[in-house]
C-alpha atoms as a PDB file:
ATOM      1  CA  MET A   1       0.035  -0.123  -0.181  1.00  0.00           C
ATOM      2  CA  MET A   2       1.007   3.447  -0.912  1.00  0.00           C
ATOM      3  CA  LYS A   3       1.912   6.266   1.776  1.00  0.00           C
ATOM      4  CA  THR A   4      -0.245   9.631   1.439  1.00  0.00           C
ATOM      5  CA  SER A   5       2.684  11.199   0.915  1.00  0.00           C
ATOM      6  CA  ASP A   6       3.800   9.274  -1.569  1.00  0.00           C
ATOM      7  CA  ILE A   7       0.981   9.929  -3.650  1.00  0.00           C
ATOM      8  CA  LYS A   8       1.389  13.663  -3.128  1.00  0.00           C
ATOM      9  CA  ASP A   9       4.657  13.360  -5.082  1.00  0.00           C
ATOM     10  CA  TYR A  10       3.107  11.867  -8.059  1.00  0.00           C
ATOM     11  CA  SER A  11       2.217  14.137 -11.289  1.00  0.00           C
ATOM     12  CA  VAL A  12      -1.610  14.277 -12.440  1.00  0.00           C
ATOM     13  CA  GLU A  13      -0.640  11.876 -15.788  1.00  0.00           C
ATOM     14  CA  ALA A  14       1.199   9.328 -13.303  1.00  0.00           C
ATOM     15  CA  LEU A  15      -1.922   9.300 -10.598  1.00  0.00           C
ATOM     16  CA  LYS A  16      -4.659   8.929 -13.622  1.00  0.00           C
ATOM     17  CA  ASN A  17      -2.602   5.718 -14.590  1.00  0.00           C
ATOM     18  CA  LYS A  18      -2.064   4.436 -11.074  1.00  0.00           C
ATOM     19  CA  LEU A  19      -5.801   4.771 -10.396  1.00  0.00           C
ATOM     20  CA  ALA A  20      -6.876   3.276 -13.861  1.00  0.00           C
ATOM     21  CA  ASP A  21      -4.238   0.020 -12.851  1.00  0.00           C
ATOM     22  CA  ASN A  22      -5.625   0.167  -9.136  1.00  0.00           C
ATOM     23  CA  GLU A  23      -9.510   0.301 -10.497  1.00  0.00           C
ATOM     24  CA  THR A  24      -8.757  -2.647 -13.011  1.00  0.00           C
ATOM     25  CA  GLU A  25      -6.820  -4.652  -9.997  1.00  0.00           C
ATOM     26  CA  MET A  26     -10.055  -4.115  -8.110  1.00  0.00           C
ATOM     27  CA  ALA A  27     -12.532  -5.497 -10.728  1.00  0.00           C
ATOM     28  CA  ASN A  28     -10.350  -8.673 -10.630  1.00  0.00           C
ATOM     29  CA  LEU A  29     -10.697  -8.958  -7.150  1.00  0.00           C
ATOM     30  CA  LYS A  30     -14.029  -8.607  -6.709  1.00  0.00           C
ATOM     31  CA  PHE A  31     -14.740 -11.076  -9.702  1.00  0.00           C
ATOM     32  CA  GLN A  32     -12.222 -13.326  -7.396  1.00  0.00           C
ATOM     33  CA  LYS A  33     -14.022 -13.009  -4.235  1.00  0.00           C
ATOM     34  CA  ALA A  34     -17.669 -13.915  -6.366  1.00  0.00           C
ATOM     35  CA  LEU A  35     -15.465 -17.400  -6.737  1.00  0.00           C
ATOM     36  CA  GLN A  36     -14.223 -17.651  -3.663  1.00  0.00           C
ATOM     37  CA  GLN A  37     -10.690 -17.818  -4.768  1.00  0.00           C
ATOM     38  CA  LEU A  38      -9.666 -14.437  -2.722  1.00  0.00           C
ATOM     39  CA  GLU A  39      -5.904 -15.517  -1.612  1.00  0.00           C
ATOM     40  CA  LYS A  40      -5.828 -12.198   0.307  1.00  0.00           C
ATOM     41  CA  PRO A  41      -8.832 -10.416   1.386  1.00  0.00           C
ATOM     42  CA  THR A  42      -7.226  -7.743   3.010  1.00  0.00           C
ATOM     43  CA  ARG A  43      -6.142  -6.643   0.073  1.00  0.00           C
ATOM     44  CA  VAL A  44      -9.685  -5.255  -1.149  1.00  0.00           C
ATOM     45  CA  ARG A  45      -9.302  -2.738   1.733  1.00  0.00           C
ATOM     46  CA  GLU A  46      -6.165  -1.449   0.768  1.00  0.00           C
ATOM     47  CA  LEU A  47      -6.624  -1.077  -2.409  1.00  0.00           C
ATOM     48  CA  ARG A  48     -10.291   0.615  -1.844  1.00  0.00           C
ATOM     49  CA  ARG A  49      -8.260   3.303   0.729  1.00  0.00           C
ATOM     50  CA  GLU A  50      -5.330   3.697  -2.175  1.00  0.00           C
ATOM     51  CA  ILE A  51      -8.091   4.649  -4.717  1.00  0.00           C
ATOM     52  CA  ALA A  52      -9.590   7.242  -2.779  1.00  0.00           C
ATOM     53  CA  GLN A  53      -6.599   8.497  -1.771  1.00  0.00           C
ATOM     54  CA  ILE A  54      -5.819   9.006  -5.310  1.00  0.00           C
ATOM     55  CA  LYS A  55      -9.012  10.539  -5.946  1.00  0.00           C
ATOM     56  CA  THR A  56      -8.281  12.967  -3.481  1.00  0.00           C
ATOM     57  CA  VAL A  57      -5.077  14.255  -4.396  1.00  0.00           C
ATOM     58  CA  LEU A  58      -6.767  14.840  -8.072  1.00  0.00           C
ATOM     59  CA  LYS A  59      -9.684  16.619  -7.070  1.00  0.00           C
ATOM     60  CA  GLU A  60      -7.490  18.347  -4.854  1.00  0.00           C
ATOM     61  CA  ILE A  61      -5.109  19.718  -7.749  1.00  0.00           C
ATOM     62  CA  GLU A  62      -8.499  20.184  -9.912  1.00  0.00           C
ATOM     63  CA  LEU A  63      -9.985  22.882  -7.441  1.00  0.00           C
ATOM     64  CA  GLY A  64      -6.391  24.413  -6.749  1.00  0.00           C
ATOM     65  CA  ILE A  65      -5.696  23.557  -3.131  1.00  0.00           C
ATOM     66  CA  ARG A  66      -2.896  21.766  -3.905  1.00  0.00           C
ATOM     67  CA  GLU A  67      -0.030  22.335  -6.488  1.00  0.00           C
ATOM     68  CA  GLU A  68       0.657  19.462  -9.048  1.00  0.00           C
ATOM     69  CA  LYS A  69       3.922  17.735  -8.680  1.00  0.00           C
ATOM     70  CA  GLY A  70       5.921  17.171 -11.723  1.00  0.00           C
ATOM     71  CA  GLN A  71       7.451  13.726 -10.925  1.00  0.00           C
ATOM     72  CA  ASP A  72       6.900  10.786 -12.670  1.00  0.00           C
ATOM     73  CA  VAL A  73       7.156   7.379 -11.181  1.00  0.00           C
END
């Protein structure tokens, strides 16, 4: 799981890519859960929180609350 301080250092483009990757992984985990094949149930919670953190940072940048960083990770 990423720390909030790490997320804040990403560029907007990198955050959008990470968000798309996380949403894809979340869909896969939900599918595994439905089939009773989920190995790490806590990963769903971690991923949900990470998605929320990324969306929060993106919204803050959009509203001008936070300045955009330039680091592509």
